[in-house]
Amino acid sequence: ALAGMSGDDAMSRVLRAGLLAQERGPETMHLAARACAQREVAGIERG
């Protein structure tokens, strides 16, 4: 699944951030994915 998340869209980046942290447990995975999602907010709301 991580190998397939090579897109440059916001959802791919969020899922990739979570999958990269999946070996450190579900809580860390959720925090990593959520932090990435929050960073994408500025781009979505730009303008």
ModelCIF file with pLDDT and N, C-alpha, C, O atoms, coordinates in Angstrom:
data_MODEL
#
_entry.id   MODEL 
#
_entity.id                         1 
_entity.type                       polymer 
_entity.pdbx_number_of_molecules   1 
#
_entity_poly.entity_id                      1 
_entity_poly.type                           'polypeptide(L)' 
_entity_poly.nstd_linkage                   no 
_entity_poly.nstd_monomer                   no 
_entity_poly.pdbx_seq_one_letter_code       ALAGMSGDDAMSRVLRAGLLAQERGPETMHLAARACAQREVAGIERG 
_entity_poly.pdbx_seq_one_letter_code_can   ALAGMSGDDAMSRVLRAGLLAQERGPETMHLAARACAQREVAGIERG 
_entity_poly.pdbx_strand_id                 A 
#
loop_
_entity_poly_seq.entity_id 
_entity_poly_seq.num 
_entity_poly_seq.mon_id 
_entity_poly_seq.hetero 
1 1  ALA n 
1 2  LEU n 
1 3  ALA n 
1 4  GLY n 
1 5  MET n 
1 6  SER n 
1 7  GLY n 
1 8  ASP n 
1 9  ASP n 
1 10 ALA n 
1 11 MET n 
1 12 SER n 
1 13 ARG n 
1 14 VAL n 
1 15 LEU n 
1 16 ARG n 
1 17 ALA n 
1 18 GLY n 
1 19 LEU n 
1 20 LEU n 
1 21 ALA n 
1 22 GLN n 
1 23 GLU n 
1 24 ARG n 
1 25 GLY n 
1 26 PRO n 
1 27 GLU n 
1 28 THR n 
1 29 MET n 
1 30 HIS n 
1 31 LEU n 
1 32 ALA n 
1 33 ALA n 
1 34 ARG n 
1 35 ALA n 
1 36 CYS n 
1 37 ALA n 
1 38 GLN n 
1 39 ARG n 
1 40 GLU n 
1 41 VAL n 
1 42 ALA n 
1 43 GLY n 
1 44 ILE n 
1 45 GLU n 
1 46 ARG n 
1 47 GLY n 
#
_struct_asym.id          A 
_struct_asym.entity_id   1 
#
loop_
_ma_qa_metric.id 
_ma_qa_metric.mode 
_ma_qa_metric.name 
_ma_qa_metric.software_group_id 
_ma_qa_metric.type 
1 global pLDDT . pLDDT 
2 local  pLDDT . pLDDT 
#
_ma_qa_metric_global.metric_id      1 
_ma_qa_metric_global.metric_value   88.96 
_ma_qa_metric_global.model_id       1 
_ma_qa_metric_global.ordinal_id     1 
#
loop_
_ma_qa_metric_local.label_asym_id 
_ma_qa_metric_local.label_comp_id 
_ma_qa_metric_local.label_seq_id 
_ma_qa_metric_local.metric_id 
_ma_qa_metric_local.metric_value 
_ma_qa_metric_local.model_id 
_ma_qa_metric_local.ordinal_id 
A ALA 1  2 81.00 1 1  
A LEU 2  2 84.00 1 2  
A ALA 3  2 81.00 1 3  
A GLY 4  2 78.00 1 4  
A MET 5  2 80.00 1 5  
A SER 6  2 80.00 1 6  
A GLY 7  2 81.00 1 7  
A ASP 8  2 86.00 1 8  
A ASP 9  2 89.00 1 9  
A ALA 10 2 92.00 1 10 
A MET 11 2 93.00 1 11 
A SER 12 2 92.00 1 12 
A ARG 13 2 93.00 1 13 
A VAL 14 2 92.00 1 14 
A LEU 15 2 91.00 1 15 
A ARG 16 2 91.00 1 16 
A ALA 17 2 91.00 1 17 
A GLY 18 2 89.00 1 18 
A LEU 19 2 89.00 1 19 
A LEU 20 2 89.00 1 20 
A ALA 21 2 86.00 1 21 
A GLN 22 2 83.00 1 22 
A GLU 23 2 83.00 1 23 
A ARG 24 2 85.00 1 24 
A GLY 25 2 83.00 1 25 
A PRO 26 2 82.00 1 26 
A GLU 27 2 86.00 1 27 
A THR 28 2 89.00 1 28 
A MET 29 2 88.00 1 29 
A HIS 30 2 89.00 1 30 
A LEU 31 2 91.00 1 31 
A ALA 32 2 92.00 1 32 
A ALA 33 2 92.00 1 33 
A ARG 34 2 92.00 1 34 
A ALA 35 2 94.00 1 35 
A CYS 36 2 94.00 1 36 
A ALA 37 2 93.00 1 37 
A GLN 38 2 93.00 1 38 
A ARG 39 2 94.00 1 39 
A GLU 40 2 94.00 1 40 
A VAL 41 2 94.00 1 41 
A ALA 42 2 93.00 1 42 
A GLY 43 2 93.00 1 43 
A ILE 44 2 94.00 1 44 
A GLU 45 2 94.00 1 45 
A ARG 46 2 94.00 1 46 
A GLY 47 2 94.00 1 47 
#
loop_
_atom_site.group_PDB 
_atom_site.id 
_atom_site.type_symbol 
_atom_site.label_atom_id 
_atom_site.label_alt_id 
_atom_site.label_comp_id 
_atom_site.label_asym_id 
_atom_site.label_entity_id 
_atom_site.label_seq_id 
_atom_site.pdbx_PDB_ins_code 
_atom_site.Cartn_x 
_atom_site.Cartn_y 
_atom_site.Cartn_z 
_atom_site.occupancy 
_atom_site.B_iso_or_equiv 
_atom_site.pdbx_formal_charge 
_atom_site.auth_seq_id 
_atom_site.auth_comp_id 
_atom_site.auth_asym_id 
_atom_site.auth_atom_id 
_atom_site.pdbx_PDB_model_num 
ATOM 1   N N  . ALA A 1 1  ? 0.827  -1.204 0.000  1.00 81.00 ? 1  ALA A N  1 
ATOM 2   C CA . ALA A 1 1  ? 0.000  0.000  0.000  1.00 81.00 ? 1  ALA A CA 1 
ATOM 3   C C  . ALA A 1 1  ? 0.862  1.254  0.000  1.00 81.00 ? 1  ALA A C  1 
ATOM 4   O O  . ALA A 1 1  ? 0.549  2.229  -0.683 1.00 81.00 ? 1  ALA A O  1 
ATOM 5   N N  . LEU A 1 2  ? 1.955  1.228  0.773  1.00 84.00 ? 2  LEU A N  1 
ATOM 6   C CA . LEU A 1 2  ? 2.864  2.373  0.812  1.00 84.00 ? 2  LEU A CA 1 
ATOM 7   C C  . LEU A 1 2  ? 3.525  2.595  -0.539 1.00 84.00 ? 2  LEU A C  1 
ATOM 8   O O  . LEU A 1 2  ? 3.704  3.737  -0.964 1.00 84.00 ? 2  LEU A O  1 
ATOM 9   N N  . ALA A 1 3  ? 3.887  1.516  -1.211 1.00 81.00 ? 3  ALA A N  1 
ATOM 10  C CA . ALA A 1 3  ? 4.506  1.650  -2.528 1.00 81.00 ? 3  ALA A CA 1 
ATOM 11  C C  . ALA A 1 3  ? 3.545  2.269  -3.537 1.00 81.00 ? 3  ALA A C  1 
ATOM 12  O O  . ALA A 1 3  ? 3.965  2.942  -4.478 1.00 81.00 ? 3  ALA A O  1 
ATOM 13  N N  . GLY A 1 4  ? 2.251  2.036  -3.331 1.00 78.00 ? 4  GLY A N  1 
ATOM 14  C CA . GLY A 1 4  ? 1.268  2.600  -4.256 1.00 78.00 ? 4  GLY A CA 1 
ATOM 15  C C  . GLY A 1 4  ? 0.897  4.040  -3.970 1.00 78.00 ? 4  GLY A C  1 
ATOM 16  O O  . GLY A 1 4  ? 0.240  4.679  -4.792 1.00 78.00 ? 4  GLY A O  1 
ATOM 17  N N  . MET A 1 5  ? 1.306  4.575  -2.808 1.00 80.00 ? 5  MET A N  1 
ATOM 18  C CA . MET A 1 5  ? 0.972  5.958  -2.447 1.00 80.00 ? 5  MET A CA 1 
ATOM 19  C C  . MET A 1 5  ? 2.042  6.923  -2.961 1.00 80.00 ? 5  MET A C  1 
ATOM 20  O O  . MET A 1 5  ? 2.664  7.643  -2.180 1.00 80.00 ? 5  MET A O  1 
ATOM 21  N N  . SER A 1 6  ? 2.247  6.932  -4.261 1.00 80.00 ? 6  SER A N  1 
ATOM 22  C CA . SER A 1 6  ? 3.279  7.780  -4.853 1.00 80.00 ? 6  SER A CA 1 
ATOM 23  C C  . SER A 1 6  ? 2.708  9.048  -5.479 1.00 80.00 ? 6  SER A C  1 
ATOM 24  O O  . SER A 1 6  ? 3.448  9.817  -6.092 1.00 80.00 ? 6  SER A O  1 
ATOM 25  N N  . GLY A 1 7  ? 1.412  9.276  -5.334 1.00 81.00 ? 7  GLY A N  1 
ATOM 26  C CA . GLY A 1 7  ? 0.796  10.457 -5.929 1.00 81.00 ? 7  GLY A CA 1 
ATOM 27  C C  . GLY A 1 7  ? 1.215  11.742 -5.219 1.00 81.00 ? 7  GLY A C  1 
ATOM 28  O O  . GLY A 1 7  ? 1.756  11.719 -4.114 1.00 81.00 ? 7  GLY A O  1 
ATOM 29  N N  . ASP A 1 8  ? 0.946  12.864 -5.892 1.00 86.00 ? 8  ASP A N  1 
ATOM 30  C CA . ASP A 1 8  ? 1.331  14.163 -5.343 1.00 86.00 ? 8  ASP A CA 1 
ATOM 31  C C  . ASP A 1 8  ? 0.133  14.922 -4.795 1.00 86.00 ? 8  ASP A C  1 
ATOM 32  O O  . ASP A 1 8  ? 0.226  16.128 -4.567 1.00 86.00 ? 8  ASP A O  1 
ATOM 33  N N  . ASP A 1 9  ? -0.980 14.250 -4.580 1.00 89.00 ? 9  ASP A N  1 
ATOM 34  C CA . ASP A 1 9  ? -2.159 14.910 -4.029 1.00 89.00 ? 9  ASP A CA 1 
ATOM 35  C C  . ASP A 1 9  ? -2.135 14.821 -2.507 1.00 89.00 ? 9  ASP A C  1 
ATOM 36  O O  . ASP A 1 9  ? -1.344 14.081 -1.922 1.00 89.00 ? 9  ASP A O  1 
ATOM 37  N N  . ALA A 1 10 ? -3.023 15.595 -1.880 1.00 92.00 ? 10 ALA A N  1 
ATOM 38  C CA . ALA A 1 10 ? -3.017 15.691 -0.421 1.00 92.00 ? 10 ALA A CA 1 
ATOM 39  C C  . ALA A 1 10 ? -3.346 14.363 0.248  1.00 92.00 ? 10 ALA A C  1 
ATOM 40  O O  . ALA A 1 10 ? -2.718 14.014 1.247  1.00 92.00 ? 10 ALA A O  1 
ATOM 41  N N  . MET A 1 11 ? -4.316 13.612 -0.277 1.00 93.00 ? 11 MET A N  1 
ATOM 42  C CA . MET A 1 11 ? -4.695 12.345 0.342  1.00 93.00 ? 11 MET A CA 1 
ATOM 43  C C  . MET A 1 11 ? -3.563 11.344 0.283  1.00 93.00 ? 11 MET A C  1 
ATOM 44  O O  . MET A 1 11 ? -3.339 10.612 1.247  1.00 93.00 ? 11 MET A O  1 
ATOM 45  N N  . SER A 1 12 ? -2.843 11.295 -0.830 1.00 92.00 ? 12 SER A N  1 
ATOM 46  C CA . SER A 1 12 ? -1.699 10.383 -0.917 1.00 92.00 ? 12 SER A CA 1 
ATOM 47  C C  . SER A 1 12 ? -0.645 10.735 0.120  1.00 92.00 ? 12 SER A C  1 
ATOM 48  O O  . SER A 1 12 ? -0.059 9.846  0.737  1.00 92.00 ? 12 SER A O  1 
ATOM 49  N N  . ARG A 1 13 ? -0.399 12.023 0.316  1.00 93.00 ? 13 ARG A N  1 
ATOM 50  C CA . ARG A 1 13 ? 0.601  12.429 1.305  1.00 93.00 ? 13 ARG A CA 1 
ATOM 51  C C  . ARG A 1 13 ? 0.160  12.070 2.718  1.00 93.00 ? 13 ARG A C  1 
ATOM 52  O O  . ARG A 1 13 ? 0.982  11.656 3.535  1.00 93.00 ? 13 ARG A O  1 
ATOM 53  N N  . VAL A 1 14 ? -1.126 12.224 3.015  1.00 92.00 ? 14 VAL A N  1 
ATOM 54  C CA . VAL A 1 14 ? -1.629 11.896 4.350  1.00 92.00 ? 14 VAL A CA 1 
ATOM 55  C C  . VAL A 1 14 ? -1.520 10.397 4.611  1.00 92.00 ? 14 VAL A C  1 
ATOM 56  O O  . VAL A 1 14 ? -1.031 9.985  5.663  1.00 92.00 ? 14 VAL A O  1 
ATOM 57  N N  . LEU A 1 15 ? -1.967 9.587  3.668  1.00 91.00 ? 15 LEU A N  1 
ATOM 58  C CA . LEU A 1 15 ? -1.917 8.142  3.854  1.00 91.00 ? 15 LEU A CA 1 
ATOM 59  C C  . LEU A 1 15 ? -0.471 7.655  3.886  1.00 91.00 ? 15 LEU A C  1 
ATOM 60  O O  . LEU A 1 15 ? -0.139 6.739  4.638  1.00 91.00 ? 15 LEU A O  1 
ATOM 61  N N  . ARG A 1 16 ? 0.388  8.267  3.069  1.00 91.00 ? 16 ARG A N  1 
ATOM 62  C CA . ARG A 1 16 ? 1.800  7.868  3.073  1.00 91.00 ? 16 ARG A CA 1 
ATOM 63  C C  . ARG A 1 16 ? 2.446  8.180  4.421  1.00 91.00 ? 16 ARG A C  1 
ATOM 64  O O  . ARG A 1 16 ? 3.228  7.381  4.936  1.00 91.00 ? 16 ARG A O  1 
ATOM 65  N N  . ALA A 1 17 ? 2.119  9.342  4.994  1.00 91.00 ? 17 ALA A N  1 
ATOM 66  C CA . ALA A 1 17 ? 2.673  9.689  6.302  1.00 91.00 ? 17 ALA A CA 1 
ATOM 67  C C  . ALA A 1 17 ? 2.233  8.699  7.367  1.00 91.00 ? 17 ALA A C  1 
ATOM 68  O O  . ALA A 1 17 ? 3.024  8.333  8.237  1.00 91.00 ? 17 ALA A O  1 
ATOM 69  N N  . GLY A 1 18 ? 0.972  8.258  7.310  1.00 89.00 ? 18 GLY A N  1 
ATOM 70  C CA . GLY A 1 18 ? 0.517  7.272  8.276  1.00 89.00 ? 18 GLY A CA 1 
ATOM 71  C C  . GLY A 1 18 ? 1.150  5.918  8.072  1.00 89.00 ? 18 GLY A C  1 
ATOM 72  O O  . GLY A 1 18 ? 1.532  5.262  9.041  1.00 89.00 ? 18 GLY A O  1 
ATOM 73  N N  . LEU A 1 19 ? 1.270  5.479  6.816  1.00 89.00 ? 19 LEU A N  1 
ATOM 74  C CA . LEU A 1 19 ? 1.858  4.165  6.544  1.00 89.00 ? 19 LEU A CA 1 
ATOM 75  C C  . LEU A 1 19 ? 3.331  4.119  6.921  1.00 89.00 ? 19 LEU A C  1 
ATOM 76  O O  . LEU A 1 19 ? 3.823  3.076  7.353  1.00 89.00 ? 19 LEU A O  1 
ATOM 77  N N  . LEU A 1 20 ? 4.032  5.213  6.769  1.00 89.00 ? 20 LEU A N  1 
ATOM 78  C CA . LEU A 1 20 ? 5.439  5.250  7.153  1.00 89.00 ? 20 LEU A CA 1 
ATOM 79  C C  . LEU A 1 20 ? 5.628  5.060  8.658  1.00 89.00 ? 20 LEU A C  1 
ATOM 80  O O  . LEU A 1 20 ? 6.679  4.597  9.102  1.00 89.00 ? 20 LEU A O  1 
ATOM 81  N N  . ALA A 1 21 ? 4.606  5.419  9.440  1.00 86.00 ? 21 ALA A N  1 
ATOM 82  C CA . ALA A 1 21 ? 4.700  5.310  10.896 1.00 86.00 ? 21 ALA A CA 1 
ATOM 83  C C  . ALA A 1 21 ? 3.957  4.105  11.442 1.00 86.00 ? 21 ALA A C  1 
ATOM 84  O O  . ALA A 1 21 ? 3.786  3.996  12.656 1.00 86.00 ? 21 ALA A O  1 
ATOM 85  N N  . GLN A 1 22 ? 3.510  3.198  10.588 1.00 83.00 ? 22 GLN A N  1 
ATOM 86  C CA . GLN A 1 22 ? 2.645  2.116  11.057 1.00 83.00 ? 22 GLN A CA 1 
ATOM 87  C C  . GLN A 1 22 ? 3.379  1.121  11.956 1.00 83.00 ? 22 GLN A C  1 
ATOM 88  O O  . GLN A 1 22 ? 2.744  0.462  12.779 1.00 83.00 ? 22 GLN A O  1 
ATOM 89  N N  . GLU A 1 23 ? 4.694  0.998  11.819 1.00 83.00 ? 23 GLU A N  1 
ATOM 90  C CA . GLU A 1 23 ? 5.421  0.059  12.667 1.00 83.00 ? 23 GLU A CA 1 
ATOM 91  C C  . GLU A 1 23 ? 5.546  0.554  14.105 1.00 83.00 ? 23 GLU A C  1 
ATOM 92  O O  . GLU A 1 23 ? 5.862  -0.232 14.997 1.00 83.00 ? 23 GLU A O  1 
ATOM 93  N N  . ARG A 1 24 ? 5.306  1.838  14.345 1.00 85.00 ? 24 ARG A N  1 
ATOM 94  C CA . ARG A 1 24 ? 5.402  2.401  15.706 1.00 85.00 ? 24 ARG A CA 1 
ATOM 95  C C  . ARG A 1 24 ? 4.065  2.406  16.426 1.00 85.00 ? 24 ARG A C  1 
ATOM 96  O O  . ARG A 1 24 ? 3.933  3.032  17.478 1.00 85.00 ? 24 ARG A O  1 
ATOM 97  N N  . GLY A 1 25 ? 3.086  1.729  15.885 1.00 83.00 ? 25 GLY A N  1 
ATOM 98  C CA . GLY A 1 25 ? 1.811  1.591  16.568 1.00 83.00 ? 25 GLY A CA 1 
ATOM 99  C C  . GLY A 1 25 ? 0.716  2.464  15.987 1.00 83.00 ? 25 GLY A C  1 
ATOM 100 O O  . GLY A 1 25 ? 0.992  3.440  15.290 1.00 83.00 ? 25 GLY A O  1 
ATOM 101 N N  . PRO A 1 26 ? -0.532 2.109  16.278 1.00 82.00 ? 26 PRO A N  1 
ATOM 102 C CA . PRO A 1 26 ? -1.653 2.828  15.693 1.00 82.00 ? 26 PRO A CA 1 
ATOM 103 C C  . PRO A 1 26 ? -1.764 4.285  16.139 1.00 82.00 ? 26 PRO A C  1 
ATOM 104 O O  . PRO A 1 26 ? -2.167 5.150  15.361 1.00 82.00 ? 26 PRO A O  1 
ATOM 105 N N  . GLU A 1 27 ? -1.404 4.551  17.394 1.00 86.00 ? 27 GLU A N  1 
ATOM 106 C CA . GLU A 1 27 ? -1.514 5.929  17.866 1.00 86.00 ? 27 GLU A CA 1 
ATOM 107 C C  . GLU A 1 27 ? -0.535 6.841  17.144 1.00 86.00 ? 27 GLU A C  1 
ATOM 108 O O  . GLU A 1 27 ? -0.893 7.938  16.716 1.00 86.00 ? 27 GLU A O  1 
ATOM 109 N N  . THR A 1 28 ? 0.703  6.380  17.012 1.00 89.00 ? 28 THR A N  1 
ATOM 110 C CA . THR A 1 28 ? 1.694  7.172  16.286 1.00 89.00 ? 28 THR A CA 1 
ATOM 111 C C  . THR A 1 28 ? 1.311  7.318  14.825 1.00 89.00 ? 28 THR A C  1 
ATOM 112 O O  . THR A 1 28 ? 1.507  8.378  14.231 1.00 89.00 ? 28 THR A O  1 
ATOM 113 N N  . MET A 1 29 ? 0.763  6.250  14.240 1.00 88.00 ? 29 MET A N  1 
ATOM 114 C CA . MET A 1 29 ? 0.309  6.315  12.858 1.00 88.00 ? 29 MET A CA 1 
ATOM 115 C C  . MET A 1 29 ? -0.777 7.375  12.685 1.00 88.00 ? 29 MET A C  1 
ATOM 116 O O  . MET A 1 29 ? -0.750 8.159  11.736 1.00 88.00 ? 29 MET A O  1 
ATOM 117 N N  . HIS A 1 30 ? -1.727 7.386  13.610 1.00 89.00 ? 30 HIS A N  1 
ATOM 118 C CA . HIS A 1 30 ? -2.811 8.366  13.533 1.00 89.00 ? 30 HIS A CA 1 
ATOM 119 C C  . HIS A 1 30 ? -2.274 9.779  13.687 1.00 89.00 ? 30 HIS A C  1 
ATOM 120 O O  . HIS A 1 30 ? -2.682 10.679 12.953 1.00 89.00 ? 30 HIS A O  1 
ATOM 121 N N  . LEU A 1 31 ? -1.362 9.985  14.637 1.00 91.00 ? 31 LEU A N  1 
ATOM 122 C CA . LEU A 1 31 ? -0.805 11.314 14.852 1.00 91.00 ? 31 LEU A CA 1 
ATOM 123 C C  . LEU A 1 31 ? -0.025 11.797 13.634 1.00 91.00 ? 31 LEU A C  1 
ATOM 124 O O  . LEU A 1 31 ? -0.113 12.967 13.264 1.00 91.00 ? 31 LEU A O  1 
ATOM 125 N N  . ALA A 1 32 ? 0.730  10.910 13.017 1.00 92.00 ? 32 ALA A N  1 
ATOM 126 C CA . ALA A 1 32 ? 1.514  11.294 11.841 1.00 92.00 ? 32 ALA A CA 1 
ATOM 127 C C  . ALA A 1 32 ? 0.615  11.661 10.676 1.00 92.00 ? 32 ALA A C  1 
ATOM 128 O O  . ALA A 1 32 ? 0.843  12.660 9.994  1.00 92.00 ? 32 ALA A O  1 
ATOM 129 N N  . ALA A 1 33 ? -0.415 10.841 10.449 1.00 92.00 ? 33 ALA A N  1 
ATOM 130 C CA . ALA A 1 33 ? -1.336 11.120 9.345  1.00 92.00 ? 33 ALA A CA 1 
ATOM 131 C C  . ALA A 1 33 ? -2.144 12.389 9.609  1.00 92.00 ? 33 ALA A C  1 
ATOM 132 O O  . ALA A 1 33 ? -2.380 13.182 8.698  1.00 92.00 ? 33 ALA A O  1 
ATOM 133 N N  . ARG A 1 34 ? -2.563 12.573 10.853 1.00 92.00 ? 34 ARG A N  1 
ATOM 134 C CA . ARG A 1 34 ? -3.351 13.759 11.177 1.00 92.00 ? 34 ARG A CA 1 
ATOM 135 C C  . ARG A 1 34 ? -2.505 15.032 11.077 1.00 92.00 ? 34 ARG A C  1 
ATOM 136 O O  . ARG A 1 34 ? -2.989 16.059 10.602 1.00 92.00 ? 34 ARG A O  1 
ATOM 137 N N  . ALA A 1 35 ? -1.252 14.973 11.519 1.00 94.00 ? 35 ALA A N  1 
ATOM 138 C CA . ALA A 1 35 ? -0.379 16.133 11.388 1.00 94.00 ? 35 ALA A CA 1 
ATOM 139 C C  . ALA A 1 35 ? -0.177 16.510 9.924  1.00 94.00 ? 35 ALA A C  1 
ATOM 140 O O  . ALA A 1 35 ? -0.148 17.692 9.580  1.00 94.00 ? 35 ALA A O  1 
ATOM 141 N N  . CYS A 1 36 ? -0.038 15.515 9.076  1.00 94.00 ? 36 CYS A N  1 
ATOM 142 C CA . CYS A 1 36 ? 0.091  15.783 7.646  1.00 94.00 ? 36 CYS A CA 1 
ATOM 143 C C  . CYS A 1 36 ? -1.193 16.387 7.088  1.00 94.00 ? 36 CYS A C  1 
ATOM 144 O O  . CYS A 1 36 ? -1.143 17.299 6.262  1.00 94.00 ? 36 CYS A O  1 
ATOM 145 N N  . ALA A 1 37 ? -2.348 15.881 7.537  1.00 93.00 ? 37 ALA A N  1 
ATOM 146 C CA . ALA A 1 37 ? -3.625 16.434 7.077  1.00 93.00 ? 37 ALA A CA 1 
ATOM 147 C C  . ALA A 1 37 ? -3.769 17.896 7.473  1.00 93.00 ? 37 ALA A C  1 
ATOM 148 O O  . ALA A 1 37 ? -4.278 18.705 6.698  1.00 93.00 ? 37 ALA A O  1 
ATOM 149 N N  . GLN A 1 38 ? -3.326 18.234 8.671  1.00 93.00 ? 38 GLN A N  1 
ATOM 150 C CA . GLN A 1 38 ? -3.407 19.628 9.110  1.00 93.00 ? 38 GLN A CA 1 
ATOM 151 C C  . GLN A 1 38 ? -2.493 20.532 8.299  1.00 93.00 ? 38 GLN A C  1 
ATOM 152 O O  . GLN A 1 38 ? -2.811 21.701 8.082  1.00 93.00 ? 38 GLN A O  1 
ATOM 153 N N  . ARG A 1 39 ? -1.363 20.002 7.849  1.00 94.00 ? 39 ARG A N  1 
ATOM 154 C CA . ARG A 1 39 ? -0.473 20.804 7.006  1.00 94.00 ? 39 ARG A CA 1 
ATOM 155 C C  . ARG A 1 39 ? -1.075 21.050 5.627  1.00 94.00 ? 39 ARG A C  1 
ATOM 156 O O  . ARG A 1 39 ? -0.727 22.027 4.964  1.00 94.00 ? 39 ARG A O  1 
ATOM 157 N N  . GLU A 1 40 ? -1.963 20.181 5.199  1.00 94.00 ? 40 GLU A N  1 
ATOM 158 C CA . GLU A 1 40 ? -2.590 20.336 3.888  1.00 94.00 ? 40 GLU A CA 1 
ATOM 159 C C  . GLU A 1 40 ? -3.722 21.358 3.895  1.00 94.00 ? 40 GLU A C  1 
ATOM 160 O O  . GLU A 1 40 ? -4.168 21.792 2.833  1.00 94.00 ? 40 GLU A O  1 
ATOM 161 N N  . VAL A 1 41 ? -4.190 21.745 5.072  1.00 94.00 ? 41 VAL A N  1 
ATOM 162 C CA . VAL A 1 41 ? -5.328 22.662 5.155  1.00 94.00 ? 41 VAL A CA 1 
ATOM 163 C C  . VAL A 1 41 ? -5.016 24.002 4.497  1.00 94.00 ? 41 VAL A C  1 
ATOM 164 O O  . VAL A 1 41 ? -5.852 24.558 3.784  1.00 94.00 ? 41 VAL A O  1 
ATOM 165 N N  . ALA A 1 42 ? -3.824 24.516 4.735  1.00 93.00 ? 42 ALA A N  1 
ATOM 166 C CA . ALA A 1 42 ? -3.469 25.827 4.179  1.00 93.00 ? 42 ALA A CA 1 
ATOM 167 C C  . ALA A 1 42 ? -3.520 25.819 2.657  1.00 93.00 ? 42 ALA A C  1 
ATOM 168 O O  . ALA A 1 42 ? -3.956 26.794 2.046  1.00 93.00 ? 42 ALA A O  1 
ATOM 169 N N  . GLY A 1 43 ? -3.078 24.727 2.041  1.00 93.00 ? 43 GLY A N  1 
ATOM 170 C CA . GLY A 1 43 ? -3.113 24.645 0.588  1.00 93.00 ? 43 GLY A CA 1 
ATOM 171 C C  . GLY A 1 43 ? -4.534 24.567 0.046  1.00 93.00 ? 43 GLY A C  1 
ATOM 172 O O  . GLY A 1 43 ? -4.837 25.144 -0.998 1.00 93.00 ? 43 GLY A O  1 
ATOM 173 N N  . ILE A 1 44 ? -5.397 23.859 0.750  1.00 94.00 ? 44 ILE A N  1 
ATOM 174 C CA . ILE A 1 44 ? -6.771 23.730 0.296  1.00 94.00 ? 44 ILE A CA 1 
ATOM 175 C C  . ILE A 1 44 ? -7.518 25.056 0.436  1.00 94.00 ? 44 ILE A C  1 
ATOM 176 O O  . ILE A 1 44 ? -8.327 25.410 -0.421 1.00 94.00 ? 44 ILE A O  1 
ATOM 177 N N  . GLU A 1 45 ? -7.247 25.782 1.512  1.00 94.00 ? 45 GLU A N  1 
ATOM 178 C CA . GLU A 1 45 ? -7.954 27.039 1.759  1.00 94.00 ? 45 GLU A CA 1 
ATOM 179 C C  . GLU A 1 45 ? -7.260 28.249 1.141  1.00 94.00 ? 45 GLU A C  1 
ATOM 180 O O  . GLU A 1 45 ? -7.711 29.377 1.337  1.00 94.00 ? 45 GLU A O  1 
ATOM 181 N N  . ARG A 1 46 ? -6.192 28.043 0.411  1.00 94.00 ? 46 ARG A N  1 
ATOM 182 C CA . ARG A 1 46 ? -5.437 29.157 -0.161 1.00 94.00 ? 46 ARG A CA 1 
ATOM 183 C C  . ARG A 1 46 ? -6.311 30.019 -1.086 1.00 94.00 ? 46 ARG A C  1 
ATOM 184 O O  . ARG A 1 46 ? -6.986 29.498 -1.973 1.00 94.00 ? 46 ARG A O  1 
ATOM 185 N N  . GLY A 1 47 ? -6.292 31.324 -0.871 1.00 94.00 ? 47 GLY A N  1 
ATOM 186 C CA . GLY A 1 47 ? -7.020 32.256 -1.716 1.00 94.00 ? 47 GLY A CA 1 
ATOM 187 C C  . GLY A 1 47 ? -8.432 32.568 -1.249 1.00 94.00 ? 47 GLY A C  1 
ATOM 188 O O  . GLY A 1 47 ? -9.137 33.346 -1.892 1.00 94.00 ? 47 GLY A O  1 
#
